Amino acid sequence: MSAPRSDRVVIFTEDADWHTRTLKAALEREGLGVSVLSLNDCGFAIGETTHGLVLPGFGDKLPAAAFVRLIAKGSTEQITARLGLLHALRELGVLVMNDARAVERCVDKSMTSFLIARAGLPTPRTFVGEDRTAMQALVDEAPGDLVLKPLFGAQGKGIRRVPARTELPEPEKVGGVYYLQDFVAQPARTDFCDWRVFVIGDNVAAAMIRRSPRWITNIHQGGVGEPAPFHEQAFDFAIRATAAVGADYAGVDLIEDAEGRFQVLEVNSMPAWKGLQKATEVDVVAALAAHVARSIAQRADTRIDA
């Protein structure tokens, strides 16, 4: 027996921050009820509830949709259980933005890079491994600088530039896994820049160029955003990269190399949009809420037709 549906959308987050508050208000303007929950407070009740889940405030009903804003840090077991609940919601037919598959693919940078390349999109050479000796050999033989990134990480934290033949840190300093990517040299200019393209569905909602005197351009690391002009190739790459990881919406990072060619660096499945909205004056959260409302209506029509 299928569980009845609530008319409420759940936002999964850990903090009632600006993003959560503005998203809740935007969804309410679309005529949707909204509940804000932490995945920490949810779980499974197999054989007890109609749907087998614990969703505070929903009882035996399922939400109309779930929007994943943040997942708290935790042990391997805790993260597995939280992602398991998102997997379960998807199996029950609930629209989840973004679902656990997309979150897993984007949190793990090695899988993101693999899927981007597999989709035929240009991306820097990337090496991932646990053997420090083997990874050091790659650094020693590299034709140029490399970038060492945490396998799990965001907002430019923990990233370091590694010149050729530089000694790599000990395994415990990188979580036991080395993620190395070619450093992309840019056209000659006085600053560094990259692009953040925000994709919703199969459309670009907004895009900005992030500039910084340092090679790390993230807004949280001091980068400054400005509106990006329409660029057919950059936008096409971003839409295709979002589809490659199975995301419903995403923040896609691209960079121009020394020849002016775009390469896809990363896809973020839980992107912030405050800096983007400030830089572009595009109402990103309204576009997100409208997409959620349309998707719910389309699913309802499909169920009726079935």
Protein backbone atom coordinates (compact mmCIF):
# COMPACT_ATOMS: atom_id res chain seq x y z
CA MET A 1 0.00 0.00 0.00
CA SER A 2 1.39 3.37 -1.00
CA ALA A 3 1.63 6.09 1.62
CA PRO A 4 -0.57 9.18 1.31
CA ARG A 5 1.08 12.45 0.32
CA SER A 6 1.27 15.62 2.33
CA ASP A 7 0.98 18.96 0.58
CA ARG A 8 4.13 20.12 2.37
CA VAL A 9 7.72 20.30 1.11
CA VAL A 10 10.51 19.43 3.52
CA ILE A 11 13.80 21.33 3.53
CA PHE A 12 16.59 19.24 5.01
CA THR A 13 19.20 21.46 6.61
CA GLU A 14 21.23 21.97 9.78
CA ASP A 15 20.88 25.71 10.14
CA ALA A 16 17.98 28.12 9.66
CA ASP A 17 20.35 30.42 7.77
CA TRP A 18 19.64 32.99 5.05
CA HIS A 19 19.43 30.29 2.39
CA THR A 20 16.88 28.25 4.33
CA ARG A 21 14.78 31.27 5.29
CA THR A 22 14.65 32.70 1.77
CA LEU A 23 13.96 29.29 0.21
CA LYS A 24 11.13 28.64 2.67
CA ALA A 25 9.59 32.03 1.90
CA ALA A 26 9.92 31.48 -1.86
CA LEU A 27 8.27 28.06 -1.68
CA GLU A 28 5.44 29.53 0.39
CA ARG A 29 4.94 32.20 -2.28
CA GLU A 30 4.45 29.30 -4.71
CA GLY A 31 1.56 28.14 -2.52
CA LEU A 32 3.46 25.28 -0.86
CA GLY A 33 3.60 24.45 2.82
CA VAL A 34 7.12 23.99 4.16
CA SER A 35 8.64 22.01 7.01
CA VAL A 36 12.30 22.43 7.97
CA LEU A 37 13.93 19.28 9.34
CA SER A 38 17.36 17.94 10.15
CA LEU A 39 18.21 14.55 8.68
CA ASN A 40 19.68 13.82 12.13
CA ASP A 41 16.13 13.74 13.52
CA CYS A 42 14.80 11.40 10.84
CA GLY A 43 15.23 7.67 10.42
CA PHE A 44 13.53 4.38 9.67
CA ALA A 45 10.52 2.73 11.35
CA ILE A 46 10.03 -0.34 9.19
CA GLY A 47 6.80 -2.15 10.03
CA GLU A 48 5.65 0.77 12.18
CA THR A 49 4.75 3.53 9.72
CA THR A 50 3.05 3.13 6.37
CA HIS A 51 6.15 4.21 4.49
CA GLY A 52 8.71 2.81 6.91
CA LEU A 53 10.33 6.16 7.72
CA VAL A 54 10.50 8.59 10.62
CA LEU A 55 9.77 12.11 9.38
CA PRO A 56 8.81 14.37 12.32
CA GLY A 57 5.52 16.15 11.67
CA PHE A 58 4.51 13.96 8.71
CA GLY A 59 3.22 10.83 10.48
CA ASP A 60 2.21 8.25 7.87
CA LYS A 61 2.29 10.80 5.06
CA LEU A 62 5.14 11.49 2.67
CA PRO A 63 6.25 15.01 1.77
CA ALA A 64 5.29 16.42 -1.61
CA ALA A 65 9.02 16.96 -2.23
CA ALA A 66 12.29 17.18 -0.35
CA PHE A 67 14.95 19.84 -0.86
CA VAL A 68 18.40 18.94 0.46
CA ARG A 69 20.13 22.11 1.57
CA LEU A 70 22.72 20.70 4.00
CA ILE A 71 23.76 17.36 5.46
CA ALA A 72 25.59 17.58 8.78
CA LYS A 73 29.04 16.15 9.30
CA GLY A 74 29.14 12.85 11.13
CA SER A 75 30.58 9.38 11.35
CA THR A 76 30.54 7.04 8.35
CA GLU A 77 27.56 5.30 9.92
CA GLN A 78 25.65 8.55 10.45
CA ILE A 79 26.26 9.81 6.91
CA THR A 80 25.28 6.41 5.49
CA ALA A 81 22.00 6.44 7.43
CA ARG A 82 21.14 9.99 6.33
CA LEU A 83 21.87 9.22 2.69
CA GLY A 84 19.91 5.99 3.11
CA LEU A 85 16.85 7.99 4.08
CA LEU A 86 17.22 10.14 0.96
CA HIS A 87 17.55 6.99 -1.13
CA ALA A 88 14.38 5.65 0.51
CA LEU A 89 12.40 8.80 -0.26
CA ARG A 90 13.37 8.50 -3.91
CA GLU A 91 12.36 4.81 -3.93
CA LEU A 92 8.99 5.87 -2.52
CA GLY A 93 8.49 8.23 -5.47
CA VAL A 94 9.21 11.49 -3.65
CA LEU A 95 10.90 14.24 -5.64
CA VAL A 96 14.26 14.80 -3.91
CA MET A 97 16.42 17.77 -4.95
CA ASN A 98 19.13 16.64 -5.04
CA ASP A 99 18.72 12.94 -4.43
CA ALA A 100 21.31 10.80 -2.66
CA ARG A 101 22.86 9.55 -5.89
CA ALA A 102 23.68 13.07 -7.05
CA VAL A 103 24.92 14.09 -3.59
CA GLU A 104 27.22 11.07 -3.41
CA ARG A 105 28.59 11.69 -6.90
CA CYS A 106 29.36 15.34 -6.16
CA VAL A 107 30.71 14.96 -2.64
CA ASP A 108 33.25 12.46 -3.98
CA LYS A 109 35.38 14.59 -6.31
CA SER A 110 36.90 11.52 -7.95
CA MET A 111 33.48 10.32 -9.13
CA THR A 112 32.54 13.83 -10.24
CA SER A 113 35.68 14.06 -12.38
CA PHE A 114 35.07 10.57 -13.79
CA LEU A 115 31.48 11.34 -14.79
CA ILE A 116 32.40 14.72 -16.30
CA ALA A 117 35.06 13.08 -18.48
CA ARG A 118 32.79 10.16 -19.33
CA ALA A 119 30.19 12.63 -20.61
CA GLY A 120 32.78 13.92 -23.09
CA LEU A 121 33.32 17.24 -21.33
CA PRO A 122 36.78 18.82 -21.10
CA THR A 123 38.26 18.61 -17.61
CA PRO A 124 41.83 18.72 -16.26
CA ARG A 125 43.84 15.52 -15.97
CA THR A 126 43.03 14.01 -12.59
CA PHE A 127 44.70 11.31 -10.49
CA VAL A 128 43.32 9.77 -7.31
CA GLY A 129 45.10 7.19 -5.17
CA GLU A 130 46.10 6.11 -1.69
CA ASP A 131 49.72 5.11 -2.35
CA ARG A 132 51.88 8.13 -1.48
CA THR A 133 54.89 6.78 -3.38
CA ALA A 134 52.91 6.31 -6.58
CA MET A 135 51.26 9.72 -6.28
CA GLN A 136 54.62 11.35 -5.52
CA ALA A 137 55.97 9.87 -8.74
CA LEU A 138 53.17 11.63 -10.64
CA VAL A 139 54.12 14.93 -9.02
CA ASP A 140 57.80 14.42 -9.81
CA GLU A 141 57.03 13.67 -13.47
CA ALA A 142 54.34 16.33 -13.93
CA PRO A 143 54.87 18.81 -16.79
CA GLY A 144 53.60 21.63 -14.59
CA ASP A 145 51.95 22.45 -11.29
CA LEU A 146 49.22 20.25 -9.84
CA VAL A 147 46.40 21.06 -7.41
CA LEU A 148 45.91 18.88 -4.34
CA LYS A 149 42.32 18.88 -3.13
CA PRO A 150 40.50 17.14 -0.28
CA LEU A 151 38.39 14.34 -1.75
CA PHE A 152 35.52 15.68 0.37
CA GLY A 153 35.53 19.46 0.61
CA ALA A 154 33.90 22.71 -0.46
CA GLN A 155 34.34 26.49 -0.58
CA GLY A 156 38.00 26.20 -1.56
CA LYS A 157 39.04 24.92 1.86
CA GLY A 158 42.12 22.71 2.07
CA ILE A 159 43.17 23.23 -1.55
CA ARG A 160 46.88 23.69 -2.25
CA ARG A 161 48.96 24.24 -5.37
CA VAL A 162 51.74 21.69 -5.78
CA PRO A 163 54.68 22.62 -8.05
CA ALA A 164 56.38 19.72 -9.82
CA ARG A 165 58.74 17.71 -7.58
CA THR A 166 57.23 19.15 -4.39
CA GLU A 167 56.95 16.63 -1.57
CA LEU A 168 53.40 15.53 -0.88
CA PRO A 169 52.03 15.62 2.68
CA GLU A 170 51.73 12.46 4.74
CA PRO A 171 48.60 10.35 4.12
CA GLU A 172 46.98 11.31 7.43
CA LYS A 173 47.05 14.97 6.33
CA VAL A 174 44.81 14.20 3.32
CA GLY A 175 42.45 11.63 4.80
CA GLY A 176 44.48 8.81 3.28
CA VAL A 177 43.54 9.74 -0.31
CA TYR A 178 45.40 12.00 -2.73
CA TYR A 179 43.30 13.85 -5.30
CA LEU A 180 45.58 15.58 -7.80
CA GLN A 181 44.48 17.66 -10.76
CA ASP A 182 46.48 19.60 -13.33
CA PHE A 183 46.69 23.30 -12.50
CA VAL A 184 45.00 25.20 -15.33
CA ALA A 185 47.11 28.12 -16.56
CA GLN A 186 44.94 31.07 -17.58
CA PRO A 187 45.22 33.82 -20.20
CA ALA A 188 47.63 36.56 -19.12
CA ARG A 189 45.84 39.00 -16.80
CA THR A 190 46.37 40.73 -13.48
CA ASP A 191 44.03 38.47 -11.54
CA PHE A 192 42.68 34.92 -11.48
CA CYS A 193 39.11 34.05 -12.35
CA ASP A 194 36.69 31.21 -12.91
CA TRP A 195 32.98 30.83 -13.62
CA ARG A 196 30.16 29.62 -11.36
CA VAL A 197 27.15 28.63 -13.42
CA PHE A 198 23.94 27.80 -11.56
CA VAL A 199 21.83 25.24 -13.38
CA ILE A 200 18.20 24.45 -12.54
CA GLY A 201 16.66 21.60 -14.52
CA ASP A 202 18.05 21.97 -18.02
CA ASN A 203 18.46 25.75 -17.90
CA VAL A 204 21.04 28.19 -16.60
CA ALA A 205 19.41 30.38 -13.96
CA ALA A 206 22.41 32.65 -13.31
CA ALA A 207 26.17 32.81 -13.77
CA MET A 208 29.00 34.85 -12.35
CA ILE A 209 32.71 35.29 -12.86
CA ARG A 210 34.69 35.08 -9.62
CA ARG A 211 37.88 37.14 -9.50
CA SER A 212 40.71 37.18 -6.98
CA PRO A 213 44.36 38.25 -6.79
CA ARG A 214 44.95 34.67 -5.54
CA TRP A 215 44.44 31.55 -7.64
CA ILE A 216 41.67 30.34 -5.31
CA THR A 217 38.64 32.37 -6.35
CA ASN A 218 35.85 31.06 -4.09
CA ILE A 219 33.67 33.79 -2.58
CA HIS A 220 34.31 32.32 0.90
CA GLN A 221 38.05 32.70 0.25
CA GLY A 222 37.82 36.38 -0.65
CA GLY A 223 36.84 36.15 -4.32
CA VAL A 224 34.57 38.84 -5.77
CA GLY A 225 31.69 37.96 -8.09
CA GLU A 226 30.47 39.85 -11.13
CA PRO A 227 27.74 38.97 -13.65
CA ALA A 228 28.94 36.64 -16.38
CA PRO A 229 27.92 37.36 -19.97
CA PHE A 230 25.96 34.79 -21.93
CA HIS A 231 28.38 32.20 -23.27
CA GLU A 232 26.82 29.37 -25.24
CA GLN A 233 29.63 26.87 -24.72
CA ALA A 234 30.11 27.56 -21.01
CA PHE A 235 26.38 27.26 -20.36
CA ASP A 236 26.12 24.09 -22.46
CA PHE A 237 29.01 22.52 -20.56
CA ALA A 238 27.38 23.41 -17.23
CA ILE A 239 24.02 21.91 -18.21
CA ARG A 240 25.68 18.73 -19.47
CA ALA A 241 27.84 18.43 -16.34
CA THR A 242 24.74 18.74 -14.14
CA ALA A 243 23.06 15.96 -16.13
CA ALA A 244 26.21 13.82 -15.95
CA VAL A 245 26.02 13.62 -12.15
CA GLY A 246 22.23 13.19 -12.14
CA ALA A 247 21.53 16.47 -10.33
CA ASP A 248 18.30 18.45 -10.59
CA TYR A 249 20.12 21.68 -9.80
CA ALA A 250 23.81 22.40 -9.34
CA GLY A 251 26.55 24.99 -9.13
CA VAL A 252 29.09 24.17 -11.82
CA ASP A 253 32.62 25.58 -11.73
CA LEU A 254 34.42 26.18 -15.02
CA ILE A 255 37.73 27.76 -15.92
CA GLU A 256 39.26 29.15 -19.09
CA ASP A 257 42.69 27.82 -19.98
CA ALA A 258 45.52 29.83 -21.57
CA GLU A 259 43.95 29.33 -25.02
CA GLY A 260 40.55 30.55 -23.81
CA ARG A 261 38.97 27.10 -23.82
CA PHE A 262 36.57 26.17 -21.02
CA GLN A 263 37.17 23.20 -18.76
CA VAL A 264 34.77 21.86 -16.14
CA LEU A 265 36.33 21.71 -12.66
CA GLU A 266 33.59 20.66 -10.25
CA VAL A 267 29.86 20.15 -9.82
CA ASN A 268 28.28 21.10 -6.48
CA SER A 269 25.03 19.36 -5.53
CA MET A 270 24.30 21.57 -2.50
CA PRO A 271 25.53 24.95 -3.76
CA ALA A 272 25.06 28.23 -1.95
CA TRP A 273 23.59 31.07 -4.00
CA LYS A 274 23.85 34.15 -1.78
CA GLY A 275 27.02 35.44 -3.44
CA LEU A 276 25.67 34.60 -6.88
CA GLN A 277 22.39 36.39 -6.24
CA LYS A 278 24.23 39.44 -4.92
CA ALA A 279 26.59 39.54 -7.91
CA THR A 280 23.97 39.03 -10.62
CA GLU A 281 20.81 40.44 -9.01
CA VAL A 282 19.02 37.34 -10.34
CA ASP A 283 16.40 35.99 -7.93
CA VAL A 284 17.91 32.51 -7.82
CA VAL A 285 15.79 31.31 -4.94
CA ALA A 286 12.57 32.26 -6.76
CA ALA A 287 13.71 30.21 -9.76
CA LEU A 288 14.46 27.25 -7.49
CA ALA A 289 11.06 27.47 -5.81
CA ALA A 290 9.26 27.75 -9.15
CA HIS A 291 11.12 24.66 -10.39
CA VAL A 292 10.10 22.68 -7.29
CA ALA A 293 6.45 23.72 -7.73
CA ARG A 294 6.43 22.79 -11.44
CA SER A 295 8.08 19.44 -10.75
CA ILE A 296 5.52 18.59 -8.04
CA ALA A 297 2.65 19.48 -10.40
CA GLN A 298 4.12 17.40 -13.22
CA ARG A 299 4.49 14.37 -10.94
CA ALA A 300 0.94 14.78 -9.70
CA ASP A 301 -0.33 14.83 -13.31
CA THR A 302 1.69 11.70 -14.06
CA ARG A 303 0.15 9.86 -11.10
CA ILE A 304 -3.35 10.88 -12.19
CA ASP A 305 -2.71 9.69 -15.76
CA ALA A 306 -1.39 6.39 -14.43
